[in-house]
PDB file of N, CA and C in Angstrom:
ATOM      1  N   MET A   1      71.300 -81.939 -39.768  1.00  0.00           N
ATOM      2  CA  MET A   1      71.504 -80.504 -39.729  1.00  0.00           C
ATOM      3  C   MET A   1      71.619 -79.935 -41.138  1.00  0.00           C
ATOM      4  N   ASP A   2      72.259 -80.695 -42.030  1.00  0.00           N
ATOM      5  CA  ASP A   2      72.384 -80.235 -43.414  1.00  0.00           C
ATOM      6  C   ASP A   2      71.017 -80.050 -44.060  1.00  0.00           C
ATOM      7  N   THR A   3      70.103 -80.951 -43.773  1.00  0.00           N
ATOM      8  CA  THR A   3      68.766 -80.861 -44.353  1.00  0.00           C
ATOM      9  C   THR A   3      68.079 -79.576 -43.919  1.00  0.00           C
ATOM     10  N   PHE A   4      68.220 -79.226 -42.650  1.00  0.00           N
ATOM     11  CA  PHE A   4      67.618 -77.992 -42.148  1.00  0.00           C
ATOM     12  C   PHE A   4      68.220 -76.771 -42.831  1.00  0.00           C
ATOM     13  N   VAL A   5      69.527 -76.740 -42.963  1.00  0.00           N
ATOM     14  CA  VAL A   5      70.199 -75.597 -43.584  1.00  0.00           C
ATOM     15  C   VAL A   5      69.789 -75.476 -45.046  1.00  0.00           C
ATOM     16  N   PHE A   6      69.737 -76.590 -45.757  1.00  0.00           N
ATOM     17  CA  PHE A   6      69.334 -76.547 -47.163  1.00  0.00           C
ATOM     18  C   PHE A   6      67.869 -76.141 -47.306  1.00  0.00           C
ATOM     19  N   ALA A   7      67.022 -76.608 -46.411  1.00  0.00           N
ATOM     20  CA  ALA A   7      65.610 -76.216 -46.448  1.00  0.00           C
ATOM     21  C   ALA A   7      65.464 -74.730 -46.172  1.00  0.00           C
ATOM     22  N   LEU A   8      66.225 -74.226 -45.235  1.00  0.00           N
ATOM     23  CA  LEU A   8      66.206 -72.793 -44.933  1.00  0.00           C
ATOM     24  C   LEU A   8      66.683 -71.981 -46.132  1.00  0.00           C
ATOM     25  N   ARG A   9      67.733 -72.451 -46.791  1.00  0.00           N
ATOM     26  CA  ARG A   9      68.228 -71.780 -47.991  1.00  0.00           C
ATOM     27  C   ARG A   9      67.170 -71.768 -49.080  1.00  0.00           C
ATOM     28  N   ASP A  10      66.524 -72.877 -49.307  1.00  0.00           N
ATOM     29  CA  ASP A  10      65.483 -72.950 -50.331  1.00  0.00           C
ATOM     30  C   ASP A  10      64.305 -72.038 -49.997  1.00  0.00           C
ATOM     31  N   PHE A  11      63.952 -71.970 -48.723  1.00  0.00           N
ATOM     32  CA  PHE A  11      62.860 -71.098 -48.301  1.00  0.00           C
ATOM     33  C   PHE A  11      63.190 -69.638 -48.591  1.00  0.00           C
ATOM     34  N   PHE A  12      64.383 -69.192 -48.202  1.00  0.00           N
ATOM     35  CA  PHE A  12      64.760 -67.802 -48.443  1.00  0.00           C
ATOM     36  C   PHE A  12      64.937 -67.519 -49.930  1.00  0.00           C
ATOM     37  N   GLU A  13      65.427 -68.484 -50.683  1.00  0.00           N
ATOM     38  CA  GLU A  13      65.551 -68.306 -52.129  1.00  0.00           C
ATOM     39  C   GLU A  13      64.175 -68.114 -52.755  1.00  0.00           C
ATOM     40  N   PHE A  14      63.193 -68.880 -52.326  1.00  0.00           N
ATOM     41  CA  PHE A  14      61.824 -68.715 -52.813  1.00  0.00           C
ATOM     42  C   PHE A  14      61.243 -67.384 -52.361  1.00  0.00           C
ATOM     43  N   LEU A  15      61.470 -67.051 -51.088  1.00  0.00           N
ATOM     44  CA  LEU A  15      60.903 -65.841 -50.514  1.00  0.00           C
ATOM     45  C   LEU A  15      61.393 -64.584 -51.229  1.00  0.00           C
ATOM     46  N   PHE A  16      62.666 -64.538 -51.560  1.00  0.00           N
ATOM     47  CA  PHE A  16      63.240 -63.352 -52.179  1.00  0.00           C
ATOM     48  C   PHE A  16      63.326 -63.436 -53.698  1.00  0.00           C
ATOM     49  N   SER A  17      62.768 -64.460 -54.300  1.00  0.00           N
ATOM     50  CA  SER A  17      62.841 -64.589 -55.759  1.00  0.00           C
ATOM     51  C   SER A  17      61.995 -63.546 -56.477  1.00  0.00           C
ATOM     52  N   PHE A  18      60.974 -62.998 -55.803  1.00  0.00           N
ATOM     53  CA  PHE A  18      60.122 -61.999 -56.434  1.00  0.00           C
ATOM     54  C   PHE A  18      60.748 -60.611 -56.420  1.00  0.00           C
ATOM     55  N   MET A  19      61.766 -60.385 -55.621  1.00  0.00           N
ATOM     56  CA  MET A  19      62.345 -59.047 -55.453  1.00  0.00           C
ATOM     57  C   MET A  19      62.855 -58.438 -56.760  1.00  0.00           C
ATOM     58  N   PRO A  20      63.599 -59.138 -57.596  1.00  0.00           N
ATOM     59  CA  PRO A  20      64.070 -58.507 -58.833  1.00  0.00           C
ATOM     60  C   PRO A  20      62.938 -58.098 -59.772  1.00  0.00           C
ATOM     61  N   SER A  21      61.828 -58.799 -59.724  1.00  0.00           N
ATOM     62  CA  SER A  21      60.722 -58.467 -60.622  1.00  0.00           C
ATOM     63  C   SER A  21      60.034 -57.168 -60.226  1.00  0.00           C
ATOM     64  N   THR A  22      60.142 -56.773 -58.965  1.00  0.00           N
ATOM     65  CA  THR A  22      59.516 -55.526 -58.538  1.00  0.00           C
ATOM     66  C   THR A  22      60.349 -54.315 -58.910  1.00  0.00           C
ATOM     67  N   GLY A  23      61.616 -54.526 -59.197  1.00  0.00           N
ATOM     68  CA  GLY A  23      62.477 -53.409 -59.585  1.00  0.00           C
ATOM     69  C   GLY A  23      62.651 -52.428 -58.445  1.00  0.00           C
ATOM     70  N   ALA A  24      62.551 -51.151 -58.762  1.00  0.00           N
ATOM     71  CA  ALA A  24      62.763 -50.107 -57.763  1.00  0.00           C
ATOM     72  C   ALA A  24      61.493 -49.796 -56.978  1.00  0.00           C
ATOM     73  N   ALA A  25      60.384 -50.406 -57.331  1.00  0.00           N
ATOM     74  CA  ALA A  25      59.113 -50.080 -56.677  1.00  0.00           C
ATOM     75  C   ALA A  25      59.159 -50.356 -55.183  1.00  0.00           C
ATOM     76  N   ILE A  26      59.712 -51.483 -54.786  1.00  0.00           N
ATOM     77  CA  ILE A  26      59.753 -51.811 -53.357  1.00  0.00           C
ATOM     78  C   ILE A  26      60.627 -50.817 -52.612  1.00  0.00           C
ATOM     79  N   ASN A  27      61.721 -50.363 -53.234  1.00  0.00           N
ATOM     80  CA  ASN A  27      62.572 -49.358 -52.595  1.00  0.00           C
ATOM     81  C   ASN A  27      61.826 -48.047 -52.432  1.00  0.00           C
ATOM     82  N   LEU A  28      61.069 -47.663 -53.428  1.00  0.00           N
ATOM     83  CA  LEU A  28      60.313 -46.417 -53.350  1.00  0.00           C
ATOM     84  C   LEU A  28      59.234 -46.483 -52.275  1.00  0.00           C
ATOM     85  N   ILE A  29      58.624 -47.643 -52.119  1.00  0.00           N
ATOM     86  CA  ILE A  29      57.618 -47.819 -51.067  1.00  0.00           C
ATOM     87  C   ILE A  29      58.262 -47.650 -49.694  1.00  0.00           C
ATOM     88  N   PHE A  30      59.412 -48.295 -49.483  1.00  0.00           N
ATOM     89  CA  PHE A  30      60.091 -48.176 -48.193  1.00  0.00           C
ATOM     90  C   PHE A  30      60.578 -46.756 -47.942  1.00  0.00           C
ATOM     91  N   ILE A  31      61.098 -46.088 -48.972  1.00  0.00           N
ATOM     92  CA  ILE A  31      61.535 -44.698 -48.826  1.00  0.00           C
ATOM     93  C   ILE A  31      60.356 -43.822 -48.440  1.00  0.00           C
ATOM     94  N   GLY A  32      59.209 -44.036 -49.076  1.00  0.00           N
ATOM     95  CA  GLY A  32      58.018 -43.258 -48.759  1.00  0.00           C
ATOM     96  C   GLY A  32      57.547 -43.486 -47.331  1.00  0.00           C
ATOM     97  N   LEU A  33      57.531 -44.744 -46.899  1.00  0.00           N
ATOM     98  CA  LEU A  33      57.106 -45.052 -45.529  1.00  0.00           C
ATOM     99  C   LEU A  33      58.047 -44.441 -44.493  1.00  0.00           C
ATOM    100  N   ILE A  34      59.333 -44.573 -44.723  1.00  0.00           N
ATOM    101  CA  ILE A  34      60.304 -44.023 -43.779  1.00  0.00           C
ATOM    102  C   ILE A  34      60.188 -42.509 -43.719  1.00  0.00           C
ATOM    103  N   THR A  35      60.028 -41.864 -44.868  1.00  0.00           N
ATOM    104  CA  THR A  35      59.883 -40.412 -44.895  1.00  0.00           C
ATOM    105  C   THR A  35      58.624 -39.980 -44.159  1.00  0.00           C
ATOM    106  N   PHE A  36      57.512 -40.652 -44.425  1.00  0.00           N
ATOM    107  CA  PHE A  36      56.251 -40.315 -43.768  1.00  0.00           C
ATOM    108  C   PHE A  36      56.371 -40.420 -42.256  1.00  0.00           C
ATOM    109  N   PHE A  37      56.889 -41.551 -41.769  1.00  0.00           N
ATOM    110  CA  PHE A  37      56.971 -41.744 -40.327  1.00  0.00           C
ATOM    111  C   PHE A  37      58.021 -40.851 -39.677  1.00  0.00           C
ATOM    112  N   THR A  38      59.055 -40.454 -40.412  1.00  0.00           N
ATOM    113  CA  THR A  38      60.027 -39.503 -39.870  1.00  0.00           C
ATOM    114  C   THR A  38      59.380 -38.150 -39.640  1.00  0.00           C
ATOM    115  N   PHE A  39      58.626 -37.667 -40.632  1.00  0.00           N
ATOM    116  CA  PHE A  39      57.947 -36.387 -40.461  1.00  0.00           C
ATOM    117  C   PHE A  39      56.872 -36.465 -39.371  1.00  0.00           C
ATOM    118  N   TYR A  40      56.193 -37.587 -39.268  1.00  0.00           N
ATOM    119  CA  TYR A  40      55.201 -37.774 -38.202  1.00  0.00           C
ATOM    120  C   TYR A  40      55.869 -37.712 -36.829  1.00  0.00           C
ATOM    121  N   TRP A  41      57.012 -38.384 -36.702  1.00  0.00           N
ATOM    122  CA  TRP A  41      57.735 -38.404 -35.441  1.00  0.00           C
ATOM    123  C   TRP A  41      58.222 -36.998 -35.079  1.00  0.00           C
ATOM    124  N   ILE A  42      58.748 -36.258 -36.061  1.00  0.00           N
ATOM    125  CA  ILE A  42      59.205 -34.888 -35.811  1.00  0.00           C
ATOM    126  C   ILE A  42      58.042 -34.020 -35.346  1.00  0.00           C
ATOM    127  N   LYS A  43      56.877 -34.171 -35.985  1.00  0.00           N
ATOM    128  CA  LYS A  43      55.687 -33.407 -35.588  1.00  0.00           C
ATOM    129  C   LYS A  43      55.286 -33.739 -34.156  1.00  0.00           C
ATOM    130  N   GLU A  44      55.313 -35.010 -33.802  1.00  0.00           N
ATOM    131  CA  GLU A  44      54.970 -35.417 -32.440  1.00  0.00           C
ATOM    132  C   GLU A  44      55.968 -34.857 -31.426  1.00  0.00           C
ATOM    133  N   MET A  45      57.239 -34.888 -31.743  1.00  0.00           N
ATOM    134  CA  MET A  45      58.253 -34.377 -30.826  1.00  0.00           C
ATOM    135  C   MET A  45      58.135 -32.864 -30.669  1.00  0.00           C
ATOM    136  N   ALA A  46      57.785 -32.158 -31.733  1.00  0.00           N
ATOM    137  CA  ALA A  46      57.582 -30.712 -31.641  1.00  0.00           C
ATOM    138  C   ALA A  46      56.391 -30.412 -30.740  1.00  0.00           C
ATOM    139  N   GLY A  47      55.364 -31.219 -30.798  1.00  0.00           N
ATOM    140  CA  GLY A  47      54.199 -31.047 -29.938  1.00  0.00           C
ATOM    141  C   GLY A  47      54.528 -31.266 -28.472  1.00  0.00           C
ATOM    142  N   HIS A  48      55.420 -32.211 -28.180  1.00  0.00           N
ATOM    143  CA  HIS A  48      55.806 -32.466 -26.794  1.00  0.00           C
ATOM    144  C   HIS A  48      56.591 -31.297 -26.210  1.00  0.00           C
ATOM    145  N   SER A  49      57.433 -30.676 -27.027  1.00  0.00           N
ATOM    146  CA  SER A  49      58.234 -29.566 -26.500  1.00  0.00           C
ATOM    147  C   SER A  49      57.366 -28.335 -26.228  1.00  0.00           C
ATOM    148  N   LYS A  50      56.267 -28.182 -26.950  1.00  0.00           N
ATOM    149  CA  LYS A  50      55.371 -27.050 -26.720  1.00  0.00           C
ATOM    150  C   LYS A  50      54.589 -27.210 -25.420  1.00  0.00           C
ATOM    151  N   LYS A  51      54.332 -28.437 -25.008  1.00  0.00           N
ATOM    152  CA  LYS A  51      53.556 -28.697 -23.793  1.00  0.00           C
ATOM    153  C   LYS A  51      54.369 -28.423 -22.533  1.00  0.00           C
ATOM    154  N   GLN A  52      55.685 -28.472 -22.629  1.00  0.00           N
ATOM    155  CA  GLN A  52      56.513 -28.314 -21.424  1.00  0.00           C
ATOM    156  C   GLN A  52      56.999 -26.919 -21.245  1.00  0.00           C
TER     157      GLN A  52
END
């Protein structure tokens, strides 16, 4: 079981090792995506209320 836990730790350490090198860029990408889809969802919901 220890081997599995250590392997999992090493995998996640490798997976997230690139995050500091991206700086704030990854945060800005996620903020942009969330903002875009929020406005899209609001537009869709406004369209549904007009149909009823």
